[in-house]
Amino acid sequence: MGRVGSCFDNAAAEAFFSTLEHEVLSRHHFSTKAQARQVVVAWCQDFYNTQRRHSAAALMSPIQYERLAADQPAAA
């Protein structure tokens, strides 16, 4: 492991998998691997990436933040 902020710091990955486990895996029972894969992919694409609010983005979803940033004039 490296220092905080280095490419070897896995805090972001740990936070992602913790949220996945809490919000998806602990609330579903899967019959097959394909069913589990479908639910996880759907969560990643539909909920986590587009709707989840992030404190680093002023509690806006990534889509809202990107739209706001696209509307701002470029800094010179």
PDB file of N, CA and C in Angstrom:
ATOM      1  N   MET A   1       0.829  -1.184   0.000  1.00  0.00           N
ATOM      2  CA  MET A   1       0.000   0.000   0.000  1.00  0.00           C
ATOM      3  C   MET A   1       0.873   1.246   0.000  1.00  0.00           C
ATOM      4  N   GLY A   2       0.363   2.267  -0.635  1.00  0.00           N
ATOM      5  CA  GLY A   2       1.073   3.533  -0.681  1.00  0.00           C
ATOM      6  C   GLY A   2       0.458   4.533   0.275  1.00  0.00           C
ATOM      7  N   ARG A   3       0.816   5.763   0.078  1.00  0.00           N
ATOM      8  CA  ARG A   3       0.256   6.830   0.903  1.00  0.00           C
ATOM      9  C   ARG A   3      -1.145   7.184   0.436  1.00  0.00           C
ATOM     10  N   VAL A   4      -1.858   7.922   1.277  1.00  0.00           N
ATOM     11  CA  VAL A   4      -3.202   8.374   0.919  1.00  0.00           C
ATOM     12  C   VAL A   4      -3.127   9.211  -0.346  1.00  0.00           C
ATOM     13  N   GLY A   5      -4.025   8.941  -1.273  1.00  0.00           N
ATOM     14  CA  GLY A   5      -4.045   9.676  -2.522  1.00  0.00           C
ATOM     15  C   GLY A   5      -3.197   9.072  -3.611  1.00  0.00           C
ATOM     16  N   SER A   6      -2.391   8.087  -3.285  1.00  0.00           N
ATOM     17  CA  SER A   6      -1.583   7.445  -4.315  1.00  0.00           C
ATOM     18  C   SER A   6      -2.432   6.447  -5.085  1.00  0.00           C
ATOM     19  N   CYS A   7      -1.917   5.967  -6.185  1.00  0.00           N
ATOM     20  CA  CYS A   7      -2.675   5.019  -6.996  1.00  0.00           C
ATOM     21  C   CYS A   7      -2.872   3.688  -6.272  1.00  0.00           C
ATOM     22  N   PHE A   8      -2.127   3.452  -5.194  1.00  0.00           N
ATOM     23  CA  PHE A   8      -2.266   2.207  -4.453  1.00  0.00           C
ATOM     24  C   PHE A   8      -3.247   2.327  -3.289  1.00  0.00           C
ATOM     25  N   ASP A   9      -3.805   3.517  -3.094  1.00  0.00           N
ATOM     26  CA  ASP A   9      -4.806   3.737  -2.049  1.00  0.00           C
ATOM     27  C   ASP A   9      -6.133   3.204  -2.560  1.00  0.00           C
ATOM     28  N   ASN A  10      -6.711   2.220  -1.887  1.00  0.00           N
ATOM     29  CA  ASN A  10      -7.927   1.581  -2.386  1.00  0.00           C
ATOM     30  C   ASN A  10      -9.174   2.008  -1.620  1.00  0.00           C
ATOM     31  N   ALA A  11      -9.157   3.180  -1.016  1.00  0.00           N
ATOM     32  CA  ALA A  11     -10.313   3.653  -0.248  1.00  0.00           C
ATOM     33  C   ALA A  11     -11.542   3.830  -1.137  1.00  0.00           C
ATOM     34  N   ALA A  12     -11.352   4.312  -2.351  1.00  0.00           N
ATOM     35  CA  ALA A  12     -12.497   4.500  -3.251  1.00  0.00           C
ATOM     36  C   ALA A  12     -13.131   3.160  -3.608  1.00  0.00           C
ATOM     37  N   ALA A  13     -12.311   2.174  -3.885  1.00  0.00           N
ATOM     38  CA  ALA A  13     -12.835   0.838  -4.205  1.00  0.00           C
ATOM     39  C   ALA A  13     -13.538   0.236  -3.002  1.00  0.00           C
ATOM     40  N   GLU A  14     -12.972   0.403  -1.823  1.00  0.00           N
ATOM     41  CA  GLU A  14     -13.601  -0.127  -0.608  1.00  0.00           C
ATOM     42  C   GLU A  14     -14.947   0.552  -0.360  1.00  0.00           C
ATOM     43  N   ALA A  15     -15.041   1.841  -0.569  1.00  0.00           N
ATOM     44  CA  ALA A  15     -16.302   2.557  -0.387  1.00  0.00           C
ATOM     45  C   ALA A  15     -17.339   2.078  -1.392  1.00  0.00           C
ATOM     46  N   PHE A  16     -16.919   1.882  -2.637  1.00  0.00           N
ATOM     47  CA  PHE A  16     -17.833   1.397  -3.671  1.00  0.00           C
ATOM     48  C   PHE A  16     -18.391   0.032  -3.299  1.00  0.00           C
ATOM     49  N   PHE A  17     -17.529  -0.906  -2.946  1.00  0.00           N
ATOM     50  CA  PHE A  17     -17.991  -2.259  -2.646  1.00  0.00           C
ATOM     51  C   PHE A  17     -18.793  -2.317  -1.346  1.00  0.00           C
ATOM     52  N   SER A  18     -18.492  -1.448  -0.410  1.00  0.00           N
ATOM     53  CA  SER A  18     -19.288  -1.377   0.819  1.00  0.00           C
ATOM     54  C   SER A  18     -20.705  -0.924   0.514  1.00  0.00           C
ATOM     55  N   THR A  19     -20.832   0.101  -0.335  1.00  0.00           N
ATOM     56  CA  THR A  19     -22.152   0.585  -0.719  1.00  0.00           C
ATOM     57  C   THR A  19     -22.904  -0.467  -1.519  1.00  0.00           C
ATOM     58  N   LEU A  20     -22.220  -1.120  -2.434  1.00  0.00           N
ATOM     59  CA  LEU A  20     -22.837  -2.194  -3.223  1.00  0.00           C
ATOM     60  C   LEU A  20     -23.361  -3.296  -2.317  1.00  0.00           C
ATOM     61  N   GLU A  21     -22.552  -3.713  -1.370  1.00  0.00           N
ATOM     62  CA  GLU A  21     -22.968  -4.776  -0.456  1.00  0.00           C
ATOM     63  C   GLU A  21     -24.166  -4.347   0.387  1.00  0.00           C
ATOM     64  N   HIS A  22     -24.128  -3.134   0.901  1.00  0.00           N
ATOM     65  CA  HIS A  22     -25.204  -2.655   1.774  1.00  0.00           C
ATOM     66  C   HIS A  22     -26.512  -2.438   1.017  1.00  0.00           C
ATOM     67  N   GLU A  23     -26.443  -1.786  -0.147  1.00  0.00           N
ATOM     68  CA  GLU A  23     -27.650  -1.387  -0.855  1.00  0.00           C
ATOM     69  C   GLU A  23     -28.202  -2.433  -1.813  1.00  0.00           C
ATOM     70  N   VAL A  24     -27.374  -3.389  -2.238  1.00  0.00           N
ATOM     71  CA  VAL A  24     -27.838  -4.356  -3.229  1.00  0.00           C
ATOM     72  C   VAL A  24     -27.736  -5.790  -2.711  1.00  0.00           C
ATOM     73  N   LEU A  25     -26.547  -6.209  -2.403  1.00  0.00           N
ATOM     74  CA  LEU A  25     -26.335  -7.621  -2.106  1.00  0.00           C
ATOM     75  C   LEU A  25     -27.026  -8.090  -0.835  1.00  0.00           C
ATOM     76  N   SER A  26     -27.100  -7.246   0.177  1.00  0.00           N
ATOM     77  CA  SER A  26     -27.742  -7.655   1.426  1.00  0.00           C
ATOM     78  C   SER A  26     -29.259  -7.650   1.330  1.00  0.00           C
ATOM     79  N   ARG A  27     -29.809  -7.057   0.265  1.00  0.00           N
ATOM     80  CA  ARG A  27     -31.262  -6.944   0.121  1.00  0.00           C
ATOM     81  C   ARG A  27     -31.853  -7.891  -0.914  1.00  0.00           C
ATOM     82  N   HIS A  28     -31.015  -8.691  -1.572  1.00  0.00           N
ATOM     83  CA  HIS A  28     -31.489  -9.603  -2.607  1.00  0.00           C
ATOM     84  C   HIS A  28     -30.972 -11.011  -2.345  1.00  0.00           C
ATOM     85  N   HIS A  29     -31.720 -11.984  -2.816  1.00  0.00           N
ATOM     86  CA  HIS A  29     -31.279 -13.380  -2.817  1.00  0.00           C
ATOM     87  C   HIS A  29     -31.319 -13.833  -4.271  1.00  0.00           C
ATOM     88  N   PHE A  30     -30.200 -14.335  -4.747  1.00  0.00           N
ATOM     89  CA  PHE A  30     -30.071 -14.676  -6.157  1.00  0.00           C
ATOM     90  C   PHE A  30     -30.106 -16.187  -6.353  1.00  0.00           C
ATOM     91  N   SER A  31     -30.776 -16.603  -7.416  1.00  0.00           N
ATOM     92  CA  SER A  31     -30.850 -18.020  -7.759  1.00  0.00           C
ATOM     93  C   SER A  31     -29.675 -18.433  -8.631  1.00  0.00           C
ATOM     94  N   THR A  32     -29.195 -17.505  -9.460  1.00  0.00           N
ATOM     95  CA  THR A  32     -28.105 -17.812 -10.383  1.00  0.00           C
ATOM     96  C   THR A  32     -27.102 -16.662 -10.404  1.00  0.00           C
ATOM     97  N   LYS A  33     -25.919 -16.949 -10.940  1.00  0.00           N
ATOM     98  CA  LYS A  33     -24.912 -15.907 -11.104  1.00  0.00           C
ATOM     99  C   LYS A  33     -25.382 -14.870 -12.121  1.00  0.00           C
ATOM    100  N   ALA A  34     -26.085 -15.330 -13.137  1.00  0.00           N
ATOM    101  CA  ALA A  34     -26.587 -14.409 -14.164  1.00  0.00           C
ATOM    102  C   ALA A  34     -27.572 -13.414 -13.557  1.00  0.00           C
ATOM    103  N   GLN A  35     -28.417 -13.876 -12.671  1.00  0.00           N
ATOM    104  CA  GLN A  35     -29.377 -12.991 -12.012  1.00  0.00           C
ATOM    105  C   GLN A  35     -28.642 -11.972 -11.140  1.00  0.00           C
ATOM    106  N   ALA A  36     -27.639 -12.420 -10.405  1.00  0.00           N
ATOM    107  CA  ALA A  36     -26.842 -11.516  -9.570  1.00  0.00           C
ATOM    108  C   ALA A  36     -26.122 -10.483 -10.438  1.00  0.00           C
ATOM    109  N   ARG A  37     -25.539 -10.938 -11.537  1.00  0.00           N
ATOM    110  CA  ARG A  37     -24.834 -10.032 -12.445  1.00  0.00           C
ATOM    111  C   ARG A  37     -25.785  -8.971 -12.997  1.00  0.00           C
ATOM    112  N   GLN A  38     -26.988  -9.393 -13.380  1.00  0.00           N
ATOM    113  CA  GLN A  38     -27.972  -8.465 -13.938  1.00  0.00           C
ATOM    114  C   GLN A  38     -28.350  -7.385 -12.926  1.00  0.00           C
ATOM    115  N   VAL A  39     -28.577  -7.769 -11.675  1.00  0.00           N
ATOM    116  CA  VAL A  39     -28.965  -6.808 -10.643  1.00  0.00           C
ATOM    117  C   VAL A  39     -27.813  -5.843 -10.342  1.00  0.00           C
ATOM    118  N   VAL A  40     -26.599  -6.359 -10.250  1.00  0.00           N
ATOM    119  CA  VAL A  40     -25.444  -5.515  -9.939  1.00  0.00           C
ATOM    120  C   VAL A  40     -25.171  -4.536 -11.079  1.00  0.00           C
ATOM    121  N   VAL A  41     -25.208  -5.012 -12.308  1.00  0.00           N
ATOM    122  CA  VAL A  41     -24.973  -4.127 -13.455  1.00  0.00           C
ATOM    123  C   VAL A  41     -26.055  -3.061 -13.538  1.00  0.00           C
ATOM    124  N   ALA A  42     -27.307  -3.464 -13.332  1.00  0.00           N
ATOM    125  CA  ALA A  42     -28.399  -2.489 -13.363  1.00  0.00           C
ATOM    126  C   ALA A  42     -28.206  -1.430 -12.286  1.00  0.00           C
ATOM    127  N   TRP A  43     -27.790  -1.838 -11.087  1.00  0.00           N
ATOM    128  CA  TRP A  43     -27.552  -0.877 -10.008  1.00  0.00           C
ATOM    129  C   TRP A  43     -26.423   0.078 -10.379  1.00  0.00           C
ATOM    130  N   CYS A  44     -25.345  -0.464 -10.908  1.00  0.00           N
ATOM    131  CA  CYS A  44     -24.198   0.380 -11.269  1.00  0.00           C
ATOM    132  C   CYS A  44     -24.571   1.401 -12.337  1.00  0.00           C
ATOM    133  N   GLN A  45     -25.282   0.961 -13.346  1.00  0.00           N
ATOM    134  CA  GLN A  45     -25.612   1.854 -14.456  1.00  0.00           C
ATOM    135  C   GLN A  45     -26.767   2.788 -14.141  1.00  0.00           C
ATOM    136  N   ASP A  46     -27.792   2.276 -13.515  1.00  0.00           N
ATOM    137  CA  ASP A  46     -29.002   3.067 -13.338  1.00  0.00           C
ATOM    138  C   ASP A  46     -28.993   3.914 -12.071  1.00  0.00           C
ATOM    139  N   PHE A  47     -28.625   3.334 -10.962  1.00  0.00           N
ATOM    140  CA  PHE A  47     -28.701   4.065  -9.697  1.00  0.00           C
ATOM    141  C   PHE A  47     -27.399   4.741  -9.333  1.00  0.00           C
ATOM    142  N   TYR A  48     -26.345   3.987  -9.180  1.00  0.00           N
ATOM    143  CA  TYR A  48     -25.117   4.531  -8.615  1.00  0.00           C
ATOM    144  C   TYR A  48     -24.541   5.652  -9.467  1.00  0.00           C
ATOM    145  N   ASN A  49     -24.475   5.452 -10.763  1.00  0.00           N
ATOM    146  CA  ASN A  49     -23.808   6.427 -11.617  1.00  0.00           C
ATOM    147  C   ASN A  49     -24.639   7.662 -11.936  1.00  0.00           C
ATOM    148  N   THR A  50     -25.957   7.521 -12.010  1.00  0.00           N
ATOM    149  CA  THR A  50     -26.740   8.657 -12.497  1.00  0.00           C
ATOM    150  C   THR A  50     -27.574   9.355 -11.430  1.00  0.00           C
ATOM    151  N   GLN A  51     -27.908   8.680 -10.357  1.00  0.00           N
ATOM    152  CA  GLN A  51     -28.804   9.264  -9.377  1.00  0.00           C
ATOM    153  C   GLN A  51     -28.157   9.554  -8.033  1.00  0.00           C
ATOM    154  N   ARG A  52     -27.142   8.799  -7.683  1.00  0.00           N
ATOM    155  CA  ARG A  52     -26.554   8.918  -6.355  1.00  0.00           C
ATOM    156  C   ARG A  52     -25.923  10.294  -6.173  1.00  0.00           C
ATOM    157  N   ARG A  53     -26.274  10.959  -5.100  1.00  0.00           N
ATOM    158  CA  ARG A  53     -25.708  12.273  -4.796  1.00  0.00           C
ATOM    159  C   ARG A  53     -24.320  12.115  -4.199  1.00  0.00           C
ATOM    160  N   HIS A  54     -23.440  13.037  -4.532  1.00  0.00           N
ATOM    161  CA  HIS A  54     -22.063  12.984  -4.048  1.00  0.00           C
ATOM    162  C   HIS A  54     -21.731  14.273  -3.314  1.00  0.00           C
ATOM    163  N   SER A  55     -21.149  14.140  -2.140  1.00  0.00           N
ATOM    164  CA  SER A  55     -20.813  15.322  -1.354  1.00  0.00           C
ATOM    165  C   SER A  55     -19.775  16.187  -2.064  1.00  0.00           C
ATOM    166  N   ALA A  56     -18.891  15.579  -2.840  1.00  0.00           N
ATOM    167  CA  ALA A  56     -17.871  16.342  -3.548  1.00  0.00           C
ATOM    168  C   ALA A  56     -18.467  17.162  -4.694  1.00  0.00           C
ATOM    169  N   ALA A  57     -19.702  16.854  -5.085  1.00  0.00           N
ATOM    170  CA  ALA A  57     -20.366  17.573  -6.175  1.00  0.00           C
ATOM    171  C   ALA A  57     -21.546  18.385  -5.648  1.00  0.00           C
ATOM    172  N   ALA A  58     -21.397  18.937  -4.472  1.00  0.00           N
ATOM    173  CA  ALA A  58     -22.435  19.775  -3.844  1.00  0.00           C
ATOM    174  C   ALA A  58     -23.754  19.024  -3.708  1.00  0.00           C
ATOM    175  N   LEU A  59     -23.656  17.743  -3.392  1.00  0.00           N
ATOM    176  CA  LEU A  59     -24.813  16.855  -3.212  1.00  0.00           C
ATOM    177  C   LEU A  59     -25.706  16.776  -4.449  1.00  0.00           C
ATOM    178  N   MET A  60     -25.091  16.926  -5.617  1.00  0.00           N
ATOM    179  CA  MET A  60     -25.802  16.722  -6.872  1.00  0.00           C
ATOM    180  C   MET A  60     -25.433  15.355  -7.421  1.00  0.00           C
ATOM    181  N   SER A  61     -26.325  14.804  -8.231  1.00  0.00           N
ATOM    182  CA  SER A  61     -25.998  13.549  -8.902  1.00  0.00           C
ATOM    183  C   SER A  61     -24.938  13.848  -9.966  1.00  0.00           C
ATOM    184  N   PRO A  62     -24.219  12.837 -10.424  1.00  0.00           N
ATOM    185  CA  PRO A  62     -23.224  13.082 -11.470  1.00  0.00           C
ATOM    186  C   PRO A  62     -23.830  13.706 -12.731  1.00  0.00           C
ATOM    187  N   ILE A  63     -25.028  13.296 -13.102  1.00  0.00           N
ATOM    188  CA  ILE A  63     -25.669  13.864 -14.292  1.00  0.00           C
ATOM    189  C   ILE A  63     -25.960  15.353 -14.085  1.00  0.00           C
ATOM    190  N   GLN A  64     -26.527  15.713 -12.920  1.00  0.00           N
ATOM    191  CA  GLN A  64     -26.807  17.123 -12.636  1.00  0.00           C
ATOM    192  C   GLN A  64     -25.530  17.938 -12.637  1.00  0.00           C
ATOM    193  N   TYR A  65     -24.481  17.408 -12.022  1.00  0.00           N
ATOM    194  CA  TYR A  65     -23.210  18.115 -11.932  1.00  0.00           C
ATOM    195  C   TYR A  65     -22.609  18.339 -13.324  1.00  0.00           C
ATOM    196  N   GLU A  66     -22.659  17.310 -14.164  1.00  0.00           N
ATOM    197  CA  GLU A  66     -22.114  17.441 -15.511  1.00  0.00           C
ATOM    198  C   GLU A  66     -22.905  18.440 -16.336  1.00  0.00           C
ATOM    199  N   ARG A  67     -24.220  18.458 -16.194  1.00  0.00           N
ATOM    200  CA  ARG A  67     -25.039  19.437 -16.923  1.00  0.00           C
ATOM    201  C   ARG A  67     -24.725  20.854 -16.471  1.00  0.00           C
ATOM    202  N   LEU A  68     -24.592  21.045 -15.166  1.00  0.00           N
ATOM    203  CA  LEU A  68     -24.252  22.364 -14.641  1.00  0.00           C
ATOM    204  C   LEU A  68     -22.874  22.795 -15.130  1.00  0.00           C
ATOM    205  N   ALA A  69     -21.913  21.887 -15.095  1.00  0.00           N
ATOM    206  CA  ALA A  69     -20.558  22.215 -15.533  1.00  0.00           C
ATOM    207  C   ALA A  69     -20.534  22.531 -17.034  1.00  0.00           C
ATOM    208  N   ALA A  70     -21.346  21.837 -17.815  1.00  0.00           N
ATOM    209  CA  ALA A  70     -21.383  22.076 -19.256  1.00  0.00           C
ATOM    210  C   ALA A  70     -21.974  23.450 -19.572  1.00  0.00           C
ATOM    211  N   ASP A  71     -22.845  23.944 -18.706  1.00  0.00           N
ATOM    212  CA  ASP A  71     -23.474  25.250 -18.916  1.00  0.00           C
ATOM    213  C   ASP A  71     -22.575  26.415 -18.499  1.00  0.00           C
ATOM    214  N   GLN A  72     -21.527  26.129 -17.724  1.00  0.00           N
ATOM    215  CA  GLN A  72     -20.625  27.182 -17.244  1.00  0.00           C
ATOM    216  C   GLN A  72     -19.639  27.561 -18.347  1.00  0.00           C
ATOM    217  N   PRO A  73     -19.319  28.847 -18.477  1.00  0.00           N
ATOM    218  CA  PRO A  73     -18.302  29.241 -19.452  1.00  0.00           C
ATOM    219  C   PRO A  73     -16.939  28.697 -19.028  1.00  0.00           C
ATOM    220  N   ALA A  74     -16.132  28.366 -19.998  1.00  0.00           N
ATOM    221  CA  ALA A  74     -14.794  27.799 -19.725  1.00  0.00           C
ATOM    222  C   ALA A  74     -13.928  28.857 -19.053  1.00  0.00           C
ATOM    223  N   ALA A  75     -13.152  28.410 -18.049  1.00  0.00           N
ATOM    224  CA  ALA A  75     -12.243  29.318 -17.348  1.00  0.00           C
ATOM    225  C   ALA A  75     -11.028  29.576 -18.222  1.00  0.00           C
ATOM    226  N   ALA A  76     -10.586  30.805 -18.267  1.00  0.00           N
ATOM    227  CA  ALA A  76      -9.438  31.153 -19.114  1.00  0.00           C
ATOM    228  C   ALA A  76      -8.154  31.080 -18.353  1.00  0.00           C
TER     229      ALA A  76
END
